[in-house]
Amino acid sequence: MTTEDIPTCPECGQPMKAGGLVLSKRVDDGQRICRSLWRCADRHTWWGWVDRPEEGLEMCPVPELFHLPIAALPCLPTRRNVGR
């Protein structure tokens, strides 16, 4: 990944760091697909479908479920939030 590929936070414009993958069930087709999780230094948390990069990132509605310390990436989701 080059510096041009690193997404910037849609809220504050800072570069974001990858925080891992979250397995989620997609509402529109019922498939279980991974979301890529991203966070900026201001702790804004975003995610996007790995198989639909053209849809862009969405604000993560439950950032408190993911422990993403900026200095200790990558982090994995906890067992209780996998598959939501």
C-alpha atoms as a PDB file:
ATOM      1  CA  MET A   1       0.000   0.000   0.000  1.00  0.00           C
ATOM      2  CA  THR A   2       1.387   3.379  -0.958  1.00  0.00           C
ATOM      3  CA  THR A   3       0.673   6.647   0.825  1.00  0.00           C
ATOM      4  CA  GLU A   4      -1.792   7.494  -1.952  1.00  0.00           C
ATOM      5  CA  ASP A   5      -3.816   4.374  -1.027  1.00  0.00           C
ATOM      6  CA  ILE A   6      -4.199   5.297   2.649  1.00  0.00           C
ATOM      7  CA  PRO A   7      -7.699   6.679   3.207  1.00  0.00           C
ATOM      8  CA  THR A   8      -8.219   9.985   4.947  1.00  0.00           C
ATOM      9  CA  CYS A   9     -10.881  10.518   7.570  1.00  0.00           C
ATOM     10  CA  PRO A  10     -14.033  11.934   5.958  1.00  0.00           C
ATOM     11  CA  GLU A  11     -14.702  13.891   9.166  1.00  0.00           C
ATOM     12  CA  CYS A  12     -11.328  15.560   9.864  1.00  0.00           C
ATOM     13  CA  GLY A  13      -9.128  14.780   6.827  1.00  0.00           C
ATOM     14  CA  GLN A  14      -6.349  13.027   8.778  1.00  0.00           C
ATOM     15  CA  PRO A  15      -4.797   9.795   7.488  1.00  0.00           C
ATOM     16  CA  MET A  16      -6.345   6.655   8.929  1.00  0.00           C
ATOM     17  CA  LYS A  17      -4.825   3.381  10.115  1.00  0.00           C
ATOM     18  CA  ALA A  18      -6.268  -0.040   9.423  1.00  0.00           C
ATOM     19  CA  GLY A  19      -7.786  -1.724  12.447  1.00  0.00           C
ATOM     20  CA  GLY A  20      -8.570  -5.196  11.183  1.00  0.00           C
ATOM     21  CA  LEU A  21     -11.590  -6.972   9.781  1.00  0.00           C
ATOM     22  CA  VAL A  22     -15.037  -7.471  11.271  1.00  0.00           C
ATOM     23  CA  LEU A  23     -17.310 -10.268  10.082  1.00  0.00           C
ATOM     24  CA  SER A  24     -20.818  -8.854   9.610  1.00  0.00           C
ATOM     25  CA  LYS A  25     -24.103  -9.973   8.119  1.00  0.00           C
ATOM     26  CA  ARG A  26     -25.143  -7.649   5.321  1.00  0.00           C
ATOM     27  CA  VAL A  27     -28.816  -6.647   5.392  1.00  0.00           C
ATOM     28  CA  ASP A  28     -29.416  -6.264   1.639  1.00  0.00           C
ATOM     29  CA  ASP A  29     -28.276  -9.771   0.595  1.00  0.00           C
ATOM     30  CA  GLY A  30     -27.943 -11.739   3.864  1.00  0.00           C
ATOM     31  CA  GLN A  31     -24.304 -12.649   3.218  1.00  0.00           C
ATOM     32  CA  ARG A  32     -21.678 -12.739   5.934  1.00  0.00           C
ATOM     33  CA  ILE A  33     -18.924 -10.463   4.636  1.00  0.00           C
ATOM     34  CA  CYS A  34     -15.952  -8.740   6.245  1.00  0.00           C
ATOM     35  CA  ARG A  35     -15.834  -5.023   6.826  1.00  0.00           C
ATOM     36  CA  SER A  36     -12.472  -3.264   6.967  1.00  0.00           C
ATOM     37  CA  LEU A  37     -12.171  -1.093  10.062  1.00  0.00           C
ATOM     38  CA  TRP A  38     -10.272   2.242   9.999  1.00  0.00           C
ATOM     39  CA  ARG A  39      -9.520   4.897  12.642  1.00  0.00           C
ATOM     40  CA  CYS A  40      -7.805   8.288  12.552  1.00  0.00           C
ATOM     41  CA  ALA A  41      -5.727   9.938  15.299  1.00  0.00           C
ATOM     42  CA  ASP A  42      -8.847  11.793  16.499  1.00  0.00           C
ATOM     43  CA  ARG A  43     -10.437   8.351  17.026  1.00  0.00           C
ATOM     44  CA  HIS A  44     -13.117   8.703  14.350  1.00  0.00           C
ATOM     45  CA  THR A  45     -13.967   5.122  13.372  1.00  0.00           C
ATOM     46  CA  TRP A  46     -15.102   4.129   9.882  1.00  0.00           C
ATOM     47  CA  TRP A  47     -15.722   0.838   8.101  1.00  0.00           C
ATOM     48  CA  GLY A  48     -16.496  -0.455   4.639  1.00  0.00           C
ATOM     49  CA  TRP A  49     -17.371  -3.695   2.874  1.00  0.00           C
ATOM     50  CA  VAL A  50     -14.224  -5.415   1.606  1.00  0.00           C
ATOM     51  CA  ASP A  51     -16.042  -6.728  -1.479  1.00  0.00           C
ATOM     52  CA  ARG A  52     -17.576  -3.327  -2.327  1.00  0.00           C
ATOM     53  CA  PRO A  53     -14.774  -0.749  -2.102  1.00  0.00           C
ATOM     54  CA  GLU A  54     -16.600   1.509  -4.556  1.00  0.00           C
ATOM     55  CA  GLU A  55     -19.249   2.150  -1.872  1.00  0.00           C
ATOM     56  CA  GLY A  56     -16.676   3.908   0.287  1.00  0.00           C
ATOM     57  CA  LEU A  57     -16.513   4.062   4.063  1.00  0.00           C
ATOM     58  CA  GLU A  58     -19.384   4.526   6.517  1.00  0.00           C
ATOM     59  CA  MET A  59     -19.138   5.856  10.048  1.00  0.00           C
ATOM     60  CA  CYS A  60     -19.005   2.861  12.380  1.00  0.00           C
ATOM     61  CA  PRO A  61     -22.146   2.998  14.565  1.00  0.00           C
ATOM     62  CA  VAL A  62     -20.561   1.051  17.455  1.00  0.00           C
ATOM     63  CA  PRO A  63     -16.894   2.112  17.745  1.00  0.00           C
ATOM     64  CA  GLU A  64     -16.863   1.301  21.465  1.00  0.00           C
ATOM     65  CA  LEU A  65     -17.066  -2.421  20.599  1.00  0.00           C
ATOM     66  CA  PHE A  66     -13.647  -2.337  18.973  1.00  0.00           C
ATOM     67  CA  HIS A  67     -10.485  -1.752  20.947  1.00  0.00           C
ATOM     68  CA  LEU A  68      -8.293  -0.014  18.388  1.00  0.00           C
ATOM     69  CA  PRO A  69      -5.378   1.675  20.104  1.00  0.00           C
ATOM     70  CA  ILE A  70      -3.595   3.582  17.353  1.00  0.00           C
ATOM     71  CA  ALA A  71      -0.172   2.357  18.506  1.00  0.00           C
ATOM     72  CA  ALA A  72      -1.122  -1.334  18.651  1.00  0.00           C
ATOM     73  CA  LEU A  73      -2.652  -2.234  15.308  1.00  0.00           C
ATOM     74  CA  PRO A  74      -3.963  -4.574  14.015  1.00  0.00           C
ATOM     75  CA  CYS A  75      -6.597  -5.519  16.582  1.00  0.00           C
ATOM     76  CA  LEU A  76      -9.235  -8.172  16.286  1.00  0.00           C
ATOM     77  CA  PRO A  77     -12.866  -7.804  17.278  1.00  0.00           C
ATOM     78  CA  THR A  78     -14.016  -9.418  20.485  1.00  0.00           C
ATOM     79  CA  ARG A  79     -15.959 -12.675  20.343  1.00  0.00           C
ATOM     80  CA  ARG A  80     -19.229 -11.016  21.387  1.00  0.00           C
ATOM     81  CA  ASN A  81     -19.392  -8.678  18.369  1.00  0.00           C
ATOM     82  CA  VAL A  82     -18.462 -11.093  15.563  1.00  0.00           C
ATOM     83  CA  GLY A  83     -21.323 -11.658  13.138  1.00  0.00           C
ATOM     84  CA  ARG A  84     -23.394  -8.616  14.053  1.00  0.00           C
END
